[in-house]
C-alpha atoms as a PDB file:
ATOM      1  CA  MET A   1     -58.905  32.812  81.069  1.00  0.00           C
ATOM      2  CA  LEU A   2     -57.428  35.398  78.698  1.00  0.00           C
ATOM      3  CA  LEU A   3     -54.173  33.377  78.515  1.00  0.00           C
ATOM      4  CA  ILE A   4     -56.102  30.279  77.517  1.00  0.00           C
ATOM      5  CA  LEU A   5     -57.946  32.135  74.797  1.00  0.00           C
ATOM      6  CA  ALA A   6     -54.722  33.656  73.488  1.00  0.00           C
ATOM      7  CA  GLY A   7     -52.988  30.212  73.311  1.00  0.00           C
ATOM      8  CA  THR A   8     -55.916  28.704  71.530  1.00  0.00           C
ATOM      9  CA  GLY A   9     -55.869  31.502  68.915  1.00  0.00           C
ATOM     10  CA  LEU A  10     -52.135  31.082  68.246  1.00  0.00           C
ATOM     11  CA  THR A  11     -52.536  27.326  67.732  1.00  0.00           C
ATOM     12  CA  ALA A  12     -55.428  27.795  65.364  1.00  0.00           C
ATOM     13  CA  GLY A  13     -53.489  30.433  63.391  1.00  0.00           C
ATOM     14  CA  TYR A  14     -50.402  28.233  63.046  1.00  0.00           C
ATOM     15  CA  GLY A  15     -52.563  25.375  61.804  1.00  0.00           C
ATOM     16  CA  VAL A  16     -54.277  27.578  59.217  1.00  0.00           C
ATOM     17  CA  SER A  17     -50.944  28.966  57.943  1.00  0.00           C
ATOM     18  CA  THR A  18     -49.200  25.604  57.651  1.00  0.00           C
ATOM     19  CA  ILE A  19     -52.103  23.759  56.036  1.00  0.00           C
ATOM     20  CA  TRP A  20     -53.671  26.329  53.714  1.00  0.00           C
ATOM     21  CA  LEU A  21     -51.230  29.170  53.287  1.00  0.00           C
ATOM     22  CA  PHE A  22     -47.813  27.481  53.388  1.00  0.00           C
ATOM     23  CA  PRO A  23     -48.328  23.673  52.922  1.00  0.00           C
ATOM     24  CA  SER A  24     -45.256  21.390  53.338  1.00  0.00           C
ATOM     25  CA  PRO A  25     -43.794  19.984  50.050  1.00  0.00           C
ATOM     26  CA  GLU A  26     -44.693  16.495  49.092  1.00  0.00           C
ATOM     27  CA  SER A  27     -42.129  13.813  49.952  1.00  0.00           C
ATOM     28  CA  PRO A  28     -39.897  12.946  46.965  1.00  0.00           C
ATOM     29  CA  SER A  29     -40.471   9.750  44.998  1.00  0.00           C
ATOM     30  CA  ALA A  30     -38.118   6.860  45.608  1.00  0.00           C
ATOM     31  CA  LEU A  31     -34.744   7.066  43.683  1.00  0.00           C
ATOM     32  CA  GLN A  32     -33.677   4.132  41.498  1.00  0.00           C
ATOM     33  CA  GLY A  33     -30.161   2.998  40.572  1.00  0.00           C
ATOM     34  CA  VAL A  34     -29.416   3.049  36.843  1.00  0.00           C
ATOM     35  CA  PRO A  35     -28.371  -0.490  35.716  1.00  0.00           C
ATOM     36  CA  GLU A  36     -25.495  -1.370  33.366  1.00  0.00           C
ATOM     37  CA  LEU A  37     -26.951  -1.690  29.885  1.00  0.00           C
ATOM     38  CA  ARG A  38     -23.796  -1.688  27.734  1.00  0.00           C
ATOM     39  CA  GLY A  39     -22.952  -4.971  26.140  1.00  0.00           C
ATOM     40  CA  SER A  40     -26.523  -6.266  26.435  1.00  0.00           C
ATOM     41  CA  PRO A  41     -28.818  -6.874  23.450  1.00  0.00           C
ATOM     42  CA  MET A  42     -31.495  -4.204  23.070  1.00  0.00           C
ATOM     43  CA  SER A  43     -34.266  -6.499  24.275  1.00  0.00           C
ATOM     44  CA  GLY A  44     -32.339  -7.349  27.449  1.00  0.00           C
ATOM     45  CA  ALA A  45     -31.602  -3.631  28.070  1.00  0.00           C
ATOM     46  CA  LEU A  46     -35.298  -2.800  27.918  1.00  0.00           C
ATOM     47  CA  ALA A  47     -36.075  -5.601  30.353  1.00  0.00           C
ATOM     48  CA  LEU A  48     -33.429  -4.283  32.799  1.00  0.00           C
ATOM     49  CA  LEU A  49     -34.882  -0.806  32.641  1.00  0.00           C
ATOM     50  CA  ALA A  50     -38.384  -2.056  33.304  1.00  0.00           C
ATOM     51  CA  ASP A  51     -37.238  -4.096  36.325  1.00  0.00           C
ATOM     52  CA  SER A  52     -35.511  -0.949  37.704  1.00  0.00           C
ATOM     53  CA  GLY A  53     -38.615   1.201  37.360  1.00  0.00           C
ATOM     54  CA  LEU A  54     -37.039   3.221  34.511  1.00  0.00           C
ATOM     55  CA  THR A  55     -37.991   3.664  30.868  1.00  0.00           C
ATOM     56  CA  ALA A  56     -36.056   3.769  27.619  1.00  0.00           C
ATOM     57  CA  GLY A  57     -35.674   7.236  26.189  1.00  0.00           C
ATOM     58  CA  ARG A  58     -34.207   8.171  22.790  1.00  0.00           C
ATOM     59  CA  VAL A  59     -32.383   5.272  21.026  1.00  0.00           C
ATOM     60  CA  ASP A  60     -29.453   6.209  18.762  1.00  0.00           C
ATOM     61  CA  SER A  61     -27.867   3.718  16.354  1.00  0.00           C
ATOM     62  CA  ILE A  62     -24.341   3.917  14.935  1.00  0.00           C
ATOM     63  CA  ARG A  63     -21.882   1.610  13.218  1.00  0.00           C
ATOM     64  CA  HIS A  64     -19.272  -0.107  15.373  1.00  0.00           C
ATOM     65  CA  PRO A  65     -16.247  -2.095  14.100  1.00  0.00           C
ATOM     66  CA  ALA A  66     -16.547  -4.811  16.794  1.00  0.00           C
ATOM     67  CA  ALA A  67     -19.930  -4.740  18.529  1.00  0.00           C
ATOM     68  CA  PRO A  68     -22.590  -6.961  16.876  1.00  0.00           C
ATOM     69  CA  ALA A  69     -25.679  -5.326  15.476  1.00  0.00           C
ATOM     70  CA  GLY A  70     -28.392  -4.769  18.115  1.00  0.00           C
ATOM     71  CA  THR A  71     -25.929  -4.482  21.064  1.00  0.00           C
ATOM     72  CA  VAL A  72     -26.103  -1.546  23.453  1.00  0.00           C
ATOM     73  CA  ILE A  73     -22.788   0.382  23.361  1.00  0.00           C
ATOM     74  CA  GLY A  74     -23.711   3.549  25.270  1.00  0.00           C
ATOM     75  CA  GLN A  75     -26.198   4.975  27.780  1.00  0.00           C
ATOM     76  CA  ASN A  76     -27.050   8.195  29.632  1.00  0.00           C
ATOM     77  CA  PRO A  77     -27.189   8.345  32.689  1.00  0.00           C
ATOM     78  CA  LEU A  78     -24.205   6.078  33.194  1.00  0.00           C
ATOM     79  CA  PRO A  79     -24.622   2.943  35.316  1.00  0.00           C
ATOM     80  CA  GLY A  80     -24.441   3.487  39.116  1.00  0.00           C
ATOM     81  CA  ARG A  81     -26.193   6.869  38.997  1.00  0.00           C
ATOM     82  CA  THR A  82     -29.600   7.384  40.643  1.00  0.00           C
ATOM     83  CA  ALA A  83     -32.769   8.502  38.886  1.00  0.00           C
ATOM     84  CA  LEU A  84     -36.345   9.040  39.797  1.00  0.00           C
ATOM     85  CA  THR A  85     -38.801   6.246  39.206  1.00  0.00           C
ATOM     86  CA  GLY A  86     -39.991   6.359  35.613  1.00  0.00           C
ATOM     87  CA  ALA A  87     -37.031   8.475  34.439  1.00  0.00           C
ATOM     88  CA  GLU A  88     -35.810   7.994  30.893  1.00  0.00           C
ATOM     89  CA  VAL A  89     -32.422   6.461  30.054  1.00  0.00           C
ATOM     90  CA  ARG A  90     -30.959   7.307  26.616  1.00  0.00           C
ATOM     91  CA  VAL A  91     -29.430   4.355  24.829  1.00  0.00           C
ATOM     92  CA  THR A  92     -27.004   4.040  21.899  1.00  0.00           C
ATOM     93  CA  MET A  93     -27.192   0.810  19.899  1.00  0.00           C
ATOM     94  CA  SER A  94     -24.676  -0.729  17.422  1.00  0.00           C
ATOM     95  CA  ILE A  95     -25.886  -1.540  13.920  1.00  0.00           C
ATOM     96  CA  GLY A  96     -22.736  -3.579  13.306  1.00  0.00           C
ATOM     97  CA  PRO A  97     -19.515  -2.899  11.382  1.00  0.00           C
ATOM     98  CA  GLU A  98     -19.391  -1.370   7.928  1.00  0.00           C
ATOM     99  CA  ILE A  99     -18.859  -3.903   5.132  1.00  0.00           C
ATOM    100  CA  ARG A 100     -16.989  -2.903   1.957  1.00  0.00           C
ATOM    101  CA  SER A 101     -15.570  -4.706  -1.089  1.00  0.00           C
ATOM    102  CA  ILE A 102     -11.857  -4.363  -1.761  1.00  0.00           C
ATOM    103  CA  PRO A 103     -11.391  -2.382  -4.991  1.00  0.00           C
ATOM    104  CA  ASP A 104      -9.198  -3.575  -7.860  1.00  0.00           C
ATOM    105  CA  VAL A 105      -6.160  -1.265  -7.969  1.00  0.00           C
ATOM    106  CA  THR A 106      -3.879  -3.543  -9.987  1.00  0.00           C
ATOM    107  CA  ARG A 107      -3.770  -1.051 -12.895  1.00  0.00           C
ATOM    108  CA  LEU A 108      -2.514   1.780 -10.651  1.00  0.00           C
ATOM    109  CA  ARG A 109       1.065   2.500  -9.736  1.00  0.00           C
ATOM    110  CA  GLY A 110       2.130   1.673  -6.203  1.00  0.00           C
ATOM    111  CA  ALA A 111       1.809   5.075  -4.511  1.00  0.00           C
ATOM    112  CA  ARG A 112      -1.516   5.886  -6.182  1.00  0.00           C
ATOM    113  CA  ALA A 113      -2.926   2.453  -5.292  1.00  0.00           C
ATOM    114  CA  VAL A 114      -2.057   3.005  -1.674  1.00  0.00           C
ATOM    115  CA  ALA A 115      -3.625   6.474  -1.634  1.00  0.00           C
ATOM    116  CA  THR A 116      -6.839   5.122  -3.228  1.00  0.00           C
ATOM    117  CA  LEU A 117      -7.195   2.367  -0.658  1.00  0.00           C
ATOM    118  CA  GLU A 118      -6.466   4.609   2.336  1.00  0.00           C
ATOM    119  CA  ALA A 119      -8.981   7.162   1.069  1.00  0.00           C
ATOM    120  CA  GLY A 120     -11.540   4.351   1.134  1.00  0.00           C
ATOM    121  CA  GLY A 121     -10.810   3.640   4.804  1.00  0.00           C
ATOM    122  CA  PHE A 122      -8.540   0.609   4.344  1.00  0.00           C
ATOM    123  CA  LEU A 123      -5.364  -0.071   6.289  1.00  0.00           C
ATOM    124  CA  VAL A 124      -2.623  -0.706   3.727  1.00  0.00           C
ATOM    125  CA  GLN A 125       0.647  -2.661   4.081  1.00  0.00           C
ATOM    126  CA  VAL A 126       3.146  -2.651   1.219  1.00  0.00           C
ATOM    127  CA  ASP A 127       5.714  -5.372   0.410  1.00  0.00           C
ATOM    128  CA  THR A 128       8.236  -4.752  -2.396  1.00  0.00           C
ATOM    129  CA  ILE A 129       9.536  -7.682  -4.451  1.00  0.00           C
ATOM    130  CA  ARG A 130      11.627  -8.311  -7.519  1.00  0.00           C
ATOM    131  CA  SER A 131       9.576  -9.500 -10.480  1.00  0.00           C
ATOM    132  CA  ASP A 132       9.399  -9.359 -14.281  1.00  0.00           C
ATOM    133  CA  SER A 133       6.717  -6.644 -13.967  1.00  0.00           C
ATOM    134  CA  PRO A 134       7.829  -2.981 -14.376  1.00  0.00           C
ATOM    135  CA  ALA A 135       8.894  -1.141 -11.252  1.00  0.00           C
ATOM    136  CA  GLY A 136       5.951   0.300  -9.325  1.00  0.00           C
ATOM    137  CA  GLN A 137       3.372  -2.074 -10.730  1.00  0.00           C
ATOM    138  CA  ILE A 138       1.011  -3.944  -8.367  1.00  0.00           C
ATOM    139  CA  VAL A 139       1.893  -7.655  -8.456  1.00  0.00           C
ATOM    140  CA  ALA A 140      -0.637  -9.020  -5.938  1.00  0.00           C
ATOM    141  CA  ILE A 141      -3.466  -7.922  -3.597  1.00  0.00           C
ATOM    142  CA  ASP A 142      -4.437  -9.803  -0.400  1.00  0.00           C
ATOM    143  CA  PRO A 143      -7.361 -10.288   0.099  1.00  0.00           C
ATOM    144  CA  LEU A 144      -8.297 -10.471  -3.587  1.00  0.00           C
ATOM    145  CA  PRO A 145     -10.212  -7.546  -5.187  1.00  0.00           C
ATOM    146  CA  GLY A 146     -13.998  -7.925  -4.683  1.00  0.00           C
ATOM    147  CA  THR A 147     -13.617  -9.621  -1.272  1.00  0.00           C
ATOM    148  CA  GLU A 148     -15.943  -8.127   1.346  1.00  0.00           C
ATOM    149  CA  THR A 149     -14.362  -7.156   4.648  1.00  0.00           C
ATOM    150  CA  THR A 150     -15.349  -5.283   7.792  1.00  0.00           C
ATOM    151  CA  MET A 151     -14.022  -1.752   8.076  1.00  0.00           C
ATOM    152  CA  PRO A 152     -11.410  -0.656   8.689  1.00  0.00           C
ATOM    153  CA  GLY A 153     -10.203  -3.608   6.583  1.00  0.00           C
ATOM    154  CA  SER A 154      -6.529  -4.496   6.174  1.00  0.00           C
ATOM    155  CA  VAL A 155      -5.098  -4.916   2.658  1.00  0.00           C
ATOM    156  CA  ARG A 156      -1.597  -6.092   1.722  1.00  0.00           C
ATOM    157  CA  LEU A 157      -0.042  -5.008  -1.579  1.00  0.00           C
ATOM    158  CA  GLN A 158       2.964  -6.481  -3.338  1.00  0.00           C
ATOM    159  CA  VAL A 159       4.688  -3.850  -5.462  1.00  0.00           C
ATOM    160  CA  SER A 160       7.308  -4.731  -8.093  1.00  0.00           C
ATOM    161  CA  LEU A 161      10.836  -3.321  -7.856  1.00  0.00           C
ATOM    162  CA  GLY A 162      11.367  -4.381 -11.452  1.00  0.00           C
ATOM    163  CA  PRO A 163      13.201  -7.399 -12.839  1.00  0.00           C
ATOM    164  CA  PRO A 164      16.238  -8.704 -10.915  1.00  0.00           C
ATOM    165  CA  THR A 165      19.540  -7.228 -12.028  1.00  0.00           C
ATOM    166  CA  PHE A 166      23.074  -8.561 -12.146  1.00  0.00           C
ATOM    167  CA  PRO A 167      26.505  -7.141 -13.109  1.00  0.00           C
ATOM    168  CA  MET A 168      27.313  -7.096 -16.836  1.00  0.00           C
ATOM    169  CA  PRO A 169      30.172  -9.608 -17.443  1.00  0.00           C
ATOM    170  CA  ASN A 170      33.510  -8.380 -18.805  1.00  0.00           C
ATOM    171  CA  LEU A 171      33.775  -9.744 -22.333  1.00  0.00           C
ATOM    172  CA  LEU A 172      37.013  -8.022 -23.296  1.00  0.00           C
ATOM    173  CA  GLY A 173      39.482 -10.509 -24.738  1.00  0.00           C
ATOM    174  CA  TYR A 174      36.835 -13.168 -25.517  1.00  0.00           C
ATOM    175  CA  GLY A 175      36.273 -14.565 -28.953  1.00  0.00           C
ATOM    176  CA  GLU A 176      32.927 -13.764 -30.535  1.00  0.00           C
ATOM    177  CA  ILE A 177      31.606 -17.322 -30.227  1.00  0.00           C
ATOM    178  CA  GLU A 178      32.629 -17.533 -26.576  1.00  0.00           C
ATOM    179  CA  ALA A 179      31.017 -14.189 -25.800  1.00  0.00           C
ATOM    180  CA  ARG A 180      27.748 -15.117 -27.474  1.00  0.00           C
ATOM    181  CA  SER A 181      27.625 -18.393 -25.523  1.00  0.00           C
ATOM    182  CA  LEU A 182      28.167 -16.572 -22.166  1.00  0.00           C
ATOM    183  CA  LEU A 183      25.558 -13.891 -22.944  1.00  0.00           C
ATOM    184  CA  SER A 184      22.967 -16.548 -23.958  1.00  0.00           C
ATOM    185  CA  ALA A 185      23.506 -18.400 -20.623  1.00  0.00           C
ATOM    186  CA  LEU A 186      22.764 -15.151 -18.722  1.00  0.00           C
ATOM    187  CA  GLY A 187      19.589 -14.448 -20.724  1.00  0.00           C
ATOM    188  CA  LEU A 188      21.288 -11.675 -22.753  1.00  0.00           C
ATOM    189  CA  SER A 189      21.683 -11.380 -26.513  1.00  0.00           C
ATOM    190  CA  VAL A 190      23.827  -9.571 -29.052  1.00  0.00           C
ATOM    191  CA  SER A 191      22.291  -6.522 -30.696  1.00  0.00           C
ATOM    192  CA  GLU A 192      25.099  -5.918 -33.227  1.00  0.00           C
ATOM    193  CA  VAL A 193      28.755  -6.665 -33.887  1.00  0.00           C
ATOM    194  CA  ASP A 194      30.913  -3.696 -34.850  1.00  0.00           C
ATOM    195  CA  ARG A 195      34.105  -4.894 -36.531  1.00  0.00           C
ATOM    196  CA  ARG A 196      37.049  -2.524 -36.432  1.00  0.00           C
ATOM    197  CA  TYR A 197      40.662  -2.779 -37.501  1.00  0.00           C
ATOM    198  CA  SER A 198      42.973  -3.744 -34.654  1.00  0.00           C
ATOM    199  CA  ILE A 199      46.549  -4.871 -34.370  1.00  0.00           C
ATOM    200  CA  LEU A 200      46.408  -6.428 -30.909  1.00  0.00           C
ATOM    201  CA  ASN A 201      42.795  -7.704 -30.771  1.00  0.00           C
ATOM    202  CA  VAL A 202      42.273  -9.551 -34.026  1.00  0.00           C
ATOM    203  CA  ASN A 203      39.157 -11.677 -33.721  1.00  0.00           C
ATOM    204  CA  ARG A 204      38.842 -10.619 -30.102  1.00  0.00           C
ATOM    205  CA  ILE A 205      36.363  -8.355 -28.337  1.00  0.00           C
ATOM    206  CA  PHE A 206      37.894  -5.042 -27.291  1.00  0.00           C
ATOM    207  CA  GLY A 207      34.722  -3.036 -26.611  1.00  0.00           C
ATOM    208  CA  GLN A 208      31.169  -3.622 -25.382  1.00  0.00           C
ATOM    209  CA  ASN A 209      27.982  -1.740 -24.498  1.00  0.00           C
ATOM    210  CA  PRO A 210      26.756  -1.992 -21.672  1.00  0.00           C
ATOM    211  CA  GLU A 211      30.129  -1.589 -20.036  1.00  0.00           C
ATOM    212  CA  PRO A 212      31.443  -4.315 -17.660  1.00  0.00           C
ATOM    213  CA  ASN A 213      29.904  -4.368 -14.119  1.00  0.00           C
ATOM    214  CA  THR A 214      26.937  -2.252 -15.212  1.00  0.00           C
ATOM    215  CA  ASP A 215      23.673  -3.463 -13.636  1.00  0.00           C
ATOM    216  CA  VAL A 216      21.615  -5.205 -16.329  1.00  0.00           C
ATOM    217  CA  ARG A 217      18.584  -7.498 -16.370  1.00  0.00           C
ATOM    218  CA  SER A 218      17.587 -10.484 -18.449  1.00  0.00           C
ATOM    219  CA  GLY A 219      16.727  -9.630 -22.033  1.00  0.00           C
ATOM    220  CA  VAL A 220      19.191  -6.791 -22.451  1.00  0.00           C
ATOM    221  CA  ARG A 221      20.871  -6.654 -25.885  1.00  0.00           C
ATOM    222  CA  VAL A 222      24.617  -6.125 -25.984  1.00  0.00           C
ATOM    223  CA  ARG A 223      26.731  -4.430 -28.628  1.00  0.00           C
ATOM    224  CA  LEU A 224      30.163  -5.966 -29.290  1.00  0.00           C
ATOM    225  CA  ILE A 225      33.240  -4.438 -30.878  1.00  0.00           C
ATOM    226  CA  VAL A 226      35.433  -7.105 -32.507  1.00  0.00           C
ATOM    227  CA  GLY A 227      38.883  -6.600 -33.905  1.00  0.00           C
ATOM    228  CA  GLN A 228      39.813  -7.595 -37.461  1.00  0.00           C
ATOM    229  CA  SER A 229      43.153  -7.741 -39.214  1.00  0.00           C
ATOM    230  CA  MET A 230      44.463  -4.858 -41.236  1.00  0.00           C
ATOM    231  CA  GLY A 231      44.958  -5.854 -44.920  1.00  0.00           C
ATOM    232  CA  TRP A 232      46.864  -3.621 -47.449  1.00  0.00           C
ATOM    233  CA  THR A 233      46.041  -3.356 -51.141  1.00  0.00           C
ATOM    234  CA  LEU A 234      47.325  -1.194 -53.976  1.00  0.00           C
ATOM    235  CA  TYR A 235      45.540   2.138 -54.109  1.00  0.00           C
ATOM    236  CA  GLU A 236      43.551   2.458 -57.297  1.00  0.00           C
ATOM    237  CA  PRO A 237      42.150   6.026 -57.600  1.00  0.00           C
ATOM    238  CA  LEU A 238      39.471   5.042 -60.089  1.00  0.00           C
ATOM    239  CA  SER A 239      38.102   2.220 -58.053  1.00  0.00           C
ATOM    240  CA  GLY A 240      38.524   3.778 -54.630  1.00  0.00           C
ATOM    241  CA  ALA A 241      40.061   0.612 -53.253  1.00  0.00           C
ATOM    242  CA  LEU A 242      42.277   0.734 -50.190  1.00  0.00           C
ATOM    243  CA  PRO A 243      46.017   0.282 -50.779  1.00  0.00           C
ATOM    244  CA  THR A 244      47.418  -3.213 -50.616  1.00  0.00           C
ATOM    245  CA  ARG A 245      50.894  -4.320 -49.742  1.00  0.00           C
ATOM    246  CA  GLN A 246      53.173  -3.904 -52.760  1.00  0.00           C
ATOM    247  CA  VAL A 247      55.389  -6.926 -53.460  1.00  0.00           C
ATOM    248  CA  ARG A 248      58.765  -6.170 -55.032  1.00  0.00           C
ATOM    249  CA  SER A 249      59.943  -8.672 -57.719  1.00  0.00           C
ATOM    250  CA  ARG A 250      63.155 -10.577 -56.932  1.00  0.00           C
ATOM    251  CA  THR A 251      63.935 -11.453 -60.658  1.00  0.00           C
ATOM    252  CA  ALA A 252      67.347 -10.633 -62.188  1.00  0.00           C
ATOM    253  CA  PRO A 253      67.745  -7.059 -63.380  1.00  0.00           C
ATOM    254  CA  VAL A 254      67.279  -6.344 -67.057  1.00  0.00           C
ATOM    255  CA  THR A 255      70.512  -5.393 -68.907  1.00  0.00           C
ATOM    256  CA  GLN A 256      70.564  -2.890 -71.681  1.00  0.00           C
ATOM    257  CA  PRO A 257      71.949  -4.260 -75.053  1.00  0.00           C
ATOM    258  CA  GLU A 258      75.172  -2.773 -76.379  1.00  0.00           C
ATOM    259  CA  GLY A 259      75.010  -0.409 -79.191  1.00  0.00           C
ATOM    260  CA  ASN A 260      74.758  -1.634 -82.694  1.00  0.00           C
END
């Protein structure tokens, strides 16, 4: 009898301790798999979360160079993870690429134009060409200034290397008329003609500036040195004239008359 009473007391005590003093924890809620939201429009992402028993948490928005505006580009937790029913999923949404107008840098020199565009977030490619524009000047911009483009936009610059050059022809030994004709055909002109006395180069060019084979461009003016004959005149101190060749008379000598 005593054993029965003792067993009954132990059972009652265990029941009291497990129910009132140390109750068992509640069973956990069902876990849900987090769906893939990236690449979906925001409205579709919200629908996926609702179907999965989850809710949308904080929504961040940033610019993206490729994702259209309103597209989900990030989430936390990542897809494939598990979360409690009703848990929040943080979402990052694209607001589209940044749009900028290409600035007009045609008045800047090549290096400064490149630095200006790169500071604005553009990707710059430079082509150098020969042109009549001064060296370093911007000849063309593609796309044209003012064109709107998504960032980072690509811009191609054409920068002048200066006018085309060619070797200066050798004019030594030419006559003046021949030299002028040749220079005119090359787009060159004569700046001045310096005539100097010469024995071997009378009416011929024996000096020039620029020198032969010097790199020149169209429009350069050339100085010519042309030889002229050396004439002699009698020296007259009062007039300052140069001496001329003195011609000796070939007439018969004069005889003195005999004395009276």
